[in-house]
Protein backbone atom coordinates (compact mmCIF):
# COMPACT_ATOMS: atom_id res chain seq x y z
CA MET A 1 -31.48 -21.30 16.78
CA ILE A 2 -29.57 -19.83 13.83
CA GLU A 3 -31.85 -21.64 11.36
CA LYS A 4 -34.91 -19.83 12.73
CA ASN A 5 -33.70 -16.59 14.31
CA PHE A 6 -30.97 -15.35 11.98
CA ASP A 7 -32.30 -12.29 10.13
CA ILE A 8 -30.30 -12.21 6.91
CA SER A 9 -31.51 -8.86 5.54
CA PHE A 10 -31.07 -7.10 8.90
CA ILE A 11 -27.47 -8.33 9.36
CA ALA A 12 -26.59 -7.81 5.69
CA ASP A 13 -27.56 -4.13 5.96
CA LEU A 14 -25.50 -3.64 9.14
CA ALA A 15 -22.51 -5.52 7.73
CA LEU A 16 -22.54 -3.37 4.60
CA ARG A 17 -22.56 -0.20 6.69
CA GLU A 18 -19.68 -1.46 8.81
CA LYS A 19 -17.56 -2.25 5.76
CA GLN A 20 -18.37 1.12 4.17
CA ILE A 21 -17.13 3.10 7.16
CA GLN A 22 -14.08 1.00 7.95
CA GLN A 23 -11.83 3.90 6.91
CA ASN A 24 -13.07 5.82 9.94
CA TYR A 25 -14.59 3.19 12.25
CA ARG A 26 -11.82 0.98 13.59
CA PRO A 27 -12.93 -1.40 16.36
CA ILE A 28 -10.41 -3.39 18.34
CA ILE A 29 -10.45 -6.18 15.75
CA ALA A 30 -8.60 -3.83 13.39
CA VAL A 31 -5.60 -3.42 15.71
CA HIS A 32 -3.61 -5.36 13.11
CA LYS A 33 -4.13 -6.38 9.50
CA TRP A 34 -5.44 -9.86 8.78
CA PHE A 35 -6.57 -11.65 5.67
CA ALA A 36 -10.17 -11.12 4.53
CA ARG A 37 -11.61 -9.98 7.85
CA ARG A 38 -15.36 -10.43 8.13
CA PRO A 39 -17.50 -7.72 9.74
CA GLY A 40 -18.06 -8.06 13.46
CA THR A 41 -21.79 -7.47 13.03
CA LEU A 42 -22.06 -10.78 11.19
CA PHE A 43 -20.66 -12.84 14.08
CA ARG A 44 -22.59 -10.90 16.69
CA GLY A 45 -25.75 -11.67 14.72
CA LEU A 46 -24.89 -15.37 14.43
CA LEU A 47 -24.16 -15.72 18.13
CA LEU A 48 -27.29 -13.90 19.26
CA ALA A 49 -29.45 -15.81 16.78
CA GLU A 50 -28.15 -19.08 18.26
CA PHE A 51 -28.20 -18.30 21.97
CA SER A 52 -30.93 -15.65 22.40
CA ASN A 53 -34.68 -16.21 22.27
CA SER A 54 -35.59 -12.62 21.34
CA PRO A 55 -35.88 -11.26 17.78
CA LEU A 56 -32.45 -10.39 16.43
CA ASN A 57 -33.36 -6.82 15.50
CA GLU A 58 -34.27 -6.20 19.16
CA THR A 59 -31.51 -8.02 21.02
CA PHE A 60 -28.71 -6.86 18.71
CA TYR A 61 -28.54 -3.39 20.29
CA LYS A 62 -28.98 -4.53 23.91
CA ALA A 63 -26.29 -5.29 26.49
CA ASN A 64 -26.33 -9.08 26.34
CA SER A 65 -24.76 -11.40 28.91
CA LEU A 66 -24.32 -14.99 27.77
CA LYS A 67 -22.33 -16.20 30.77
CA GLY A 68 -21.63 -19.91 30.93
CA ILE A 69 -21.45 -20.34 27.16
CA LEU A 70 -18.08 -21.39 25.76
CA VAL A 71 -17.19 -20.47 22.18
CA ALA A 72 -14.18 -22.19 20.60
CA ASP A 73 -12.58 -21.27 17.30
CA PRO A 74 -9.94 -23.78 16.12
CA PHE A 75 -8.90 -21.54 13.19
CA MET A 76 -9.26 -18.12 14.79
CA GLY A 77 -7.21 -16.09 12.31
CA GLY A 78 -7.72 -12.43 13.15
CA GLY A 79 -10.04 -13.27 16.04
CA THR A 80 -13.25 -11.51 15.00
CA PRO A 81 -15.63 -14.31 16.16
CA LEU A 82 -13.84 -14.55 19.54
CA LEU A 83 -13.94 -10.79 20.07
CA GLU A 84 -17.65 -10.61 19.33
CA ALA A 85 -18.37 -13.61 21.57
CA ASN A 86 -16.36 -12.03 24.38
CA ARG A 87 -18.27 -8.75 24.02
CA ILE A 88 -21.57 -10.47 24.77
CA GLY A 89 -20.23 -12.35 27.80
CA CYS A 90 -19.15 -15.72 26.44
CA ASN A 91 -16.01 -17.54 27.51
CA VAL A 92 -13.72 -18.00 24.51
CA ILE A 93 -10.93 -20.34 23.44
CA GLY A 94 -8.98 -19.86 20.22
CA PHE A 95 -6.35 -21.82 18.32
CA ASP A 96 -4.33 -21.22 15.20
CA ILE A 97 -1.22 -22.73 13.68
CA ASN A 98 0.01 -19.28 12.72
CA PRO A 99 1.90 -17.66 15.64
CA MET A 100 1.11 -14.21 14.25
CA SER A 101 -2.58 -14.96 14.63
CA CYS A 102 -2.07 -15.89 18.28
CA TRP A 103 -0.14 -12.69 18.96
CA ILE A 104 -2.75 -10.49 17.25
CA VAL A 105 -5.71 -12.00 19.10
CA LYS A 106 -3.84 -11.78 22.41
CA GLN A 107 -3.24 -8.06 21.87
CA GLU A 108 -6.86 -7.54 20.85
CA ILE A 109 -8.42 -9.24 23.81
CA GLU A 110 -6.25 -8.46 26.83
CA HIS A 111 -6.55 -5.34 29.00
CA LEU A 112 -5.27 -2.07 27.54
CA ASP A 113 -3.93 0.83 29.58
CA LEU A 114 -5.55 3.65 27.61
CA LYS A 115 -3.48 6.40 29.20
CA ALA A 116 -0.21 4.65 28.43
CA TYR A 117 -1.43 3.88 24.93
CA ASP A 118 -2.31 7.53 24.23
CA GLU A 119 1.06 8.70 25.54
CA ALA A 120 2.95 6.17 23.42
CA ALA A 121 0.93 7.00 20.31
CA GLU A 122 1.49 10.73 20.78
CA SER A 123 5.20 10.17 21.32
CA LEU A 124 5.46 8.07 18.15
CA SER A 125 3.53 10.66 16.16
CA ARG A 126 5.84 13.46 17.28
CA MET A 127 8.94 11.41 16.49
CA LEU A 128 7.73 10.55 12.98
CA GLU A 129 6.75 14.15 12.29
CA SER A 130 10.16 15.45 13.36
CA GLU A 131 12.14 12.84 11.41
CA ILE A 132 10.18 12.34 8.18
CA GLY A 133 7.26 14.77 8.36
CA HIS A 134 8.89 17.15 5.89
CA LEU A 135 8.73 14.43 3.24
CA TYR A 136 4.92 14.40 3.41
CA HIS A 137 4.18 18.05 2.63
CA THR A 138 3.88 19.77 -0.71
CA GLU A 139 2.39 22.76 -2.50
CA CYS A 140 -1.10 22.29 -3.93
CA VAL A 141 -1.00 22.98 -7.67
CA LEU A 142 -4.75 23.62 -7.71
CA CYS A 143 -5.39 26.06 -4.85
CA GLY A 144 -1.83 27.32 -4.36
CA LYS A 145 -1.67 26.57 -0.64
CA LYS A 146 1.80 26.01 0.77
CA ASP A 147 2.93 23.16 3.03
CA VAL A 148 -0.11 20.94 2.43
CA PRO A 149 -0.07 17.51 4.15
CA VAL A 150 0.22 14.64 1.67
CA LYS A 151 -1.38 11.23 2.04
CA TYR A 152 0.00 9.57 -1.08
CA PHE A 153 2.91 10.00 -3.46
CA LEU A 154 2.90 8.00 -6.68
CA ARG A 155 6.17 7.20 -8.44
CA VAL A 156 5.35 6.91 -12.13
CA LYS A 157 7.60 5.98 -15.02
CA VAL A 158 7.49 8.19 -18.11
CA ILE A 159 8.24 7.40 -21.74
CA GLU A 160 8.51 9.69 -24.72
CA CYS A 161 5.95 9.21 -27.50
CA ARG A 162 7.73 8.35 -30.76
CA GLN A 163 5.30 10.38 -32.82
CA CYS A 164 4.50 13.55 -30.88
CA ARG A 165 7.60 13.48 -28.66
CA LYS A 166 5.55 14.28 -25.57
CA ASP A 167 6.06 12.48 -22.28
CA ILE A 168 3.49 9.81 -21.49
CA ASP A 169 2.85 8.54 -17.95
CA LEU A 170 2.98 4.75 -17.77
CA PHE A 171 0.14 4.68 -15.27
CA PRO A 172 -3.58 3.97 -15.80
CA GLY A 173 -5.00 6.73 -13.58
CA TYR A 174 -4.51 8.93 -10.56
CA LEU A 175 -7.88 8.58 -8.84
CA ILE A 176 -7.07 7.50 -5.26
CA SER A 177 -10.68 7.31 -4.07
CA THR A 178 -14.15 8.54 -4.93
CA ASP A 179 -16.66 10.36 -2.75
CA ARG A 180 -19.33 7.66 -3.04
CA ARG A 181 -18.72 5.73 0.17
CA HIS A 182 -17.46 8.50 2.44
CA PRO A 183 -18.82 11.76 1.02
CA LYS A 184 -18.56 13.55 4.37
CA ASN A 185 -14.88 12.74 4.65
CA VAL A 186 -13.69 14.04 1.30
CA PHE A 187 -11.61 17.23 1.32
CA LEU A 188 -11.68 19.51 -1.70
CA CYS A 189 -9.30 22.23 -2.70
CA PHE A 190 -11.19 25.42 -3.36
CA ARG A 191 -10.52 28.95 -4.45
CA LYS A 192 -12.28 31.81 -2.66
CA THR A 193 -12.28 34.78 -4.96
CA LYS A 194 -11.59 38.35 -3.93
CA ARG A 195 -13.99 41.21 -4.30
CA ALA A 196 -14.11 42.55 -7.89
CA GLU A 197 -11.48 40.01 -8.98
CA ARG A 198 -11.30 39.17 -12.66
CA ILE A 199 -11.42 35.44 -13.45
CA GLN A 200 -10.89 34.27 -17.01
CA GLY A 201 -14.02 32.65 -18.42
CA PHE A 202 -16.38 34.51 -16.07
CA ASP A 203 -17.76 37.99 -16.56
CA GLN A 204 -17.99 38.21 -12.78
CA ALA A 205 -15.92 36.16 -10.34
CA PRO A 206 -17.95 33.43 -8.57
CA ASP A 207 -17.75 33.32 -4.78
CA PHE A 208 -16.04 29.91 -4.69
CA ILE A 209 -14.46 27.76 -7.38
CA ILE A 210 -13.66 24.07 -6.83
CA PRO A 211 -10.88 23.17 -7.25
CA SER A 212 -9.59 26.28 -9.08
CA GLU A 213 -10.28 28.65 -11.97
CA PHE A 214 -7.98 26.54 -14.14
CA ASN A 215 -10.21 23.50 -13.81
CA PRO A 216 -13.64 24.60 -12.53
CA GLN A 217 -15.77 21.63 -11.55
CA ILE A 218 -18.10 23.27 -9.05
CA ILE A 219 -19.17 26.91 -8.72
CA ILE A 220 -20.68 28.05 -5.41
CA GLU A 221 -22.60 31.29 -5.08
CA ALA A 222 -23.39 32.23 -1.49
CA LYS A 223 -25.60 34.77 0.22
CA ILE A 224 -26.40 33.67 3.75
CA THR A 225 -26.68 36.92 5.74
CA GLU A 226 -30.04 37.34 7.42
CA ASP A 227 -31.20 40.50 5.65
CA ASP A 228 -33.20 41.46 2.59
CA GLY A 229 -30.04 42.56 0.78
CA THR A 230 -29.78 41.80 -2.91
CA ALA A 231 -31.46 38.44 -3.14
CA ARG A 232 -32.82 39.17 -6.61
CA ASP A 233 -29.37 40.13 -7.90
CA LYS A 234 -27.97 36.87 -6.56
CA VAL A 235 -30.74 34.90 -8.26
CA THR A 236 -29.93 36.61 -11.57
CA ARG A 237 -26.27 35.81 -11.07
CA ILE A 238 -26.99 32.13 -10.39
CA GLN A 239 -29.25 31.94 -13.42
CA HIS A 240 -26.50 33.36 -15.60
CA LEU A 241 -23.95 30.84 -14.25
CA GLY A 242 -26.39 28.01 -14.90
CA GLU A 243 -26.83 29.14 -18.50
CA SER A 244 -23.07 29.53 -18.98
CA SER A 245 -22.43 26.01 -17.67
CA LEU A 246 -24.63 24.58 -20.44
CA ARG A 247 -23.29 26.68 -23.29
CA ASP A 248 -22.39 24.30 -26.13
CA ARG A 249 -23.22 21.42 -23.79
CA SER A 250 -26.16 19.12 -23.15
CA LYS A 251 -28.11 19.32 -19.89
CA ASN A 252 -26.45 16.12 -18.68
CA THR A 253 -22.88 17.28 -19.29
CA PRO A 254 -22.48 20.86 -17.99
CA LYS A 255 -19.06 22.52 -17.90
CA TYR A 256 -19.42 22.77 -14.13
CA GLU A 257 -22.05 22.31 -11.45
CA VAL A 258 -23.64 25.42 -9.96
CA ILE A 259 -24.57 25.35 -6.27
CA ALA A 260 -26.40 28.03 -4.30
CA CYS A 261 -26.04 28.60 -0.54
CA ILE A 262 -28.66 31.09 0.56
CA GLY A 263 -30.21 32.73 3.58
CA GLY A 264 -32.16 35.83 4.52
CA ARG A 265 -35.74 37.01 4.25
CA GLY A 266 -35.45 38.01 0.60
CA PHE A 267 -35.39 34.43 -0.62
CA GLY A 268 -38.35 33.45 1.55
CA VAL A 269 -40.77 35.95 0.03
CA ARG A 270 -39.85 35.65 -3.63
CA ARG A 271 -41.08 32.22 -4.60
CA GLU A 272 -40.79 32.87 -8.32
CA ASP A 273 -37.13 33.77 -7.89
CA MET A 274 -36.60 30.65 -5.81
CA LYS A 275 -38.08 28.56 -8.62
CA LYS A 276 -35.66 30.12 -11.11
CA MET A 277 -32.72 29.39 -8.82
CA ILE A 278 -33.72 25.76 -8.31
CA LEU A 279 -33.99 25.28 -12.08
CA ALA A 280 -30.64 26.99 -12.71
CA THR A 281 -28.82 24.79 -10.19
CA ARG A 282 -30.83 21.65 -11.00
CA GLY A 283 -32.02 21.49 -7.40
CA LYS A 284 -28.71 22.20 -5.65
CA VAL A 285 -29.89 24.98 -3.34
CA PHE A 286 -28.85 24.86 0.31
CA THR A 287 -29.34 26.90 3.46
CA VAL A 288 -27.17 27.06 6.57
CA LYS A 289 -29.33 24.38 8.17
CA THR A 290 -29.09 22.00 5.22
CA LEU A 291 -25.42 22.37 4.28
CA ASP A 292 -24.61 19.01 5.91
CA ARG A 293 -26.68 17.37 3.15
CA PHE A 294 -24.33 18.81 0.52
């Protein structure tokens, strides 16, 4: 029974994860927009808590078959409860006064010819690219790359300030999204410097600057070749960048973050140098094997 078997903390954790990755994880219930969709994990948990005798954290991941059970939803909306009930073997009946709801749920639940779907989607994508694709490309003002795909354009009204006569954007901010929920799906412009290149503000050009030398937010120094090489020189360089980032700043508000990507035997045998590097980067030292934790 739900009153006894529903594990609130277990389902709450799964539901939160599902909502956090909805930009990349799109189950069949997201075939069309609907108002205030609830996560599918919630309804799966409710159904299994009611009709299964096993602990929810065990049965949730198993292939369940609840044949003979009929689930009816008189206000089915986007159809999430019916889809989840159908996935675990229940018979389902749904009703809704909104004809759009009926159409959406019908498309979600009936058989899909995947080959035909892929062909139609590819054809649509090619048509859109040929007709309006050129409207969604631009030049990146940070890294200088040409013909960069664009996800958003913002049309912003501008007014002239009566005092300073400068243009002011009538818009609160340009932050589209942060990297808190989907840090592995955030793309950054970056500038890879050339050998012996002169960069204003640096006595020696860093290996990588994010997004650019005009607005350095992150500096990456890399030495990942598997040889002894000049590990000590790289440590000195990273120390110097760490000190420069804090010049006229507090430890909590550096000019830019310094990150080290290292490899090779030299770093493994010089523990004192490694300590200096960790302090200079405030712990942001990575190897090839740990770069995915960036």
